[in-house]
Protein backbone atom coordinates (compact mmCIF):
# COMPACT_ATOMS: atom_id res chain seq x y z
CA UNK A 1 1.59 -7.73 -7.30
CA UNK A 2 1.09 -10.29 -10.03
CA UNK A 3 -2.36 -11.50 -11.02
CA UNK A 4 -1.26 -13.19 -14.28
CA UNK A 5 -0.63 -16.55 -12.59
CA UNK A 6 -3.80 -16.58 -10.50
CA UNK A 7 -7.28 -15.20 -10.56
CA UNK A 8 -7.53 -12.00 -12.64
CA UNK A 9 -7.91 -8.72 -10.77
CA UNK A 10 -10.99 -6.61 -11.35
CA UNK A 11 -11.12 -2.84 -11.32
CA UNK A 12 -14.04 -0.43 -11.39
CA UNK A 13 -12.77 2.82 -12.88
CA UNK A 14 -13.50 5.91 -10.84
CA UNK A 15 -14.21 3.84 -7.73
CA UNK A 16 -11.10 4.94 -5.86
CA UNK A 17 -9.31 1.59 -6.11
CA UNK A 18 -6.52 3.20 -8.14
CA UNK A 19 -5.41 6.81 -8.41
CA UNK A 20 -6.56 8.77 -11.47
CA UNK A 21 -2.99 8.65 -12.82
CA UNK A 22 -3.08 4.86 -12.70
CA UNK A 23 -6.52 4.65 -14.36
CA UNK A 24 -6.00 7.14 -17.21
CA UNK A 25 -3.98 4.74 -19.44
CA UNK A 26 -6.89 2.27 -19.28
CA UNK A 27 -9.50 4.65 -20.67
CA UNK A 28 -10.77 3.79 -24.14
CA UNK A 29 -8.83 0.52 -24.37
CA UNK A 30 -10.65 -2.33 -26.11
CA UNK A 31 -11.28 -5.73 -24.62
CA UNK A 32 -8.35 -8.07 -25.35
CA UNK A 33 -5.76 -5.28 -25.42
CA UNK A 34 -2.35 -6.12 -23.91
CA UNK A 35 -0.04 -3.25 -23.02
CA UNK A 36 2.33 -1.85 -20.40
CA UNK A 37 2.87 1.60 -18.96
CA UNK A 38 5.20 3.19 -16.44
CA UNK A 39 4.08 5.49 -13.64
CA UNK A 40 6.21 7.92 -11.69
CA UNK A 41 5.61 7.81 -7.92
CA UNK A 42 3.56 11.02 -7.93
CA UNK A 43 1.13 9.44 -10.43
CA UNK A 44 0.76 6.23 -8.41
CA UNK A 45 1.18 6.08 -4.62
CA UNK A 46 3.06 9.34 -4.14
CA UNK A 47 6.55 10.16 -2.97
CA UNK A 48 7.80 8.85 0.35
CA UNK A 49 7.06 11.24 3.20
CA UNK A 50 9.73 11.22 5.93
CA UNK A 51 7.14 12.58 8.39
CA UNK A 52 5.36 9.22 8.15
CA UNK A 53 8.26 7.48 9.93
CA UNK A 54 7.01 7.53 13.50
CA UNK A 55 8.24 6.15 16.82
CA UNK A 56 5.74 4.40 19.07
CA UNK A 57 6.55 3.63 22.69
CA UNK A 58 6.90 -0.05 23.57
CA UNK A 59 4.37 0.57 26.37
CA UNK A 60 1.77 1.76 23.83
CA UNK A 61 2.58 -1.15 21.52
CA UNK A 62 2.17 -3.65 24.36
CA UNK A 63 -1.01 -1.95 25.56
CA UNK A 64 -2.64 -2.20 22.12
CA UNK A 65 -1.27 -5.57 21.00
CA UNK A 66 -1.00 -7.45 24.29
CA UNK A 67 2.08 -8.41 26.24
CA UNK A 68 2.39 -11.78 24.49
CA UNK A 69 2.44 -10.31 20.95
CA UNK A 70 5.67 -10.80 19.05
CA UNK A 71 6.93 -8.43 16.38
CA UNK A 72 9.70 -8.70 13.81
CA UNK A 73 11.01 -5.88 11.61
CA UNK A 74 9.13 -6.05 8.31
CA UNK A 75 5.80 -6.93 9.96
CA UNK A 76 2.76 -4.92 8.90
CA UNK A 77 0.96 -3.80 12.06
CA UNK A 78 -2.56 -2.37 12.14
CA UNK A 79 -3.46 0.44 14.54
CA UNK A 80 -6.76 1.96 15.60
CA UNK A 81 -6.97 5.74 15.15
CA UNK A 82 -8.61 7.93 17.80
CA UNK A 83 -11.60 8.38 15.46
CA UNK A 84 -12.06 4.59 15.25
CA UNK A 85 -10.50 4.23 11.80
CA UNK A 86 -7.70 1.79 11.05
CA UNK A 87 -4.26 2.38 9.58
CA UNK A 88 -1.20 0.21 9.04
CA UNK A 89 2.53 0.67 9.34
CA UNK A 90 5.57 -1.47 8.63
CA UNK A 91 7.80 -2.12 11.63
CA UNK A 92 11.28 -0.90 10.73
CA UNK A 93 13.12 -1.40 14.02
CA UNK A 94 12.29 -2.55 17.51
CA UNK A 95 14.17 -1.11 20.49
CA UNK A 96 13.89 -1.56 24.25
CA UNK A 97 11.79 1.59 24.71
CA UNK A 98 10.26 2.27 21.29
CA UNK A 99 9.47 0.89 17.86
CA UNK A 100 9.95 2.72 14.55
CA UNK A 101 7.09 2.39 12.06
CA UNK A 102 6.82 3.50 8.44
CA UNK A 103 3.27 4.60 7.66
CA UNK A 104 3.99 5.35 3.98
CA UNK A 105 2.19 3.16 1.46
CA UNK A 106 4.55 0.24 0.69
CA UNK A 107 4.71 1.35 -2.98
CA UNK A 108 5.27 5.05 -2.23
CA UNK A 109 8.36 6.48 -3.91
CA UNK A 110 8.59 3.65 -6.44
CA UNK A 111 8.31 3.95 -10.22
CA UNK A 112 5.82 1.30 -11.27
CA UNK A 113 5.56 -0.71 -14.45
CA UNK A 114 1.99 -1.87 -14.98
CA UNK A 115 1.38 -4.76 -17.39
CA UNK A 116 -2.22 -5.11 -18.55
CA UNK A 117 -4.02 -7.94 -20.32
CA UNK A 118 -7.54 -6.54 -20.56
CA UNK A 119 -9.79 -9.61 -20.42
CA UNK A 120 -13.13 -7.85 -20.39
CA UNK A 121 -14.88 -4.51 -20.21
CA UNK A 122 -18.32 -4.22 -18.64
């Protein structure tokens, strides 16, 4: 994600927007500071979990999305959990009887470089 060419992103530390490992390098930095840091997956969005690759029957997919819904591998699809919550998965492959979804965070397993231009501190 790049917010340097558009509207700046805002972040409230400790609010759960970022993991503690992502927030720690920001602590104590003065307004106007520009810096970069690298985060290992376990300090950002975690390692990829192979258990989060799940098959969903085409019947269930059709039942929840409607028979006229079209899907293409790479699509992000939102599901409703039994408790009413929502969760998303990326469609990896679509077969005649089932669809394979990846419910890992899209940035899981990736080493991140974070570039910061700290415009203001409230």
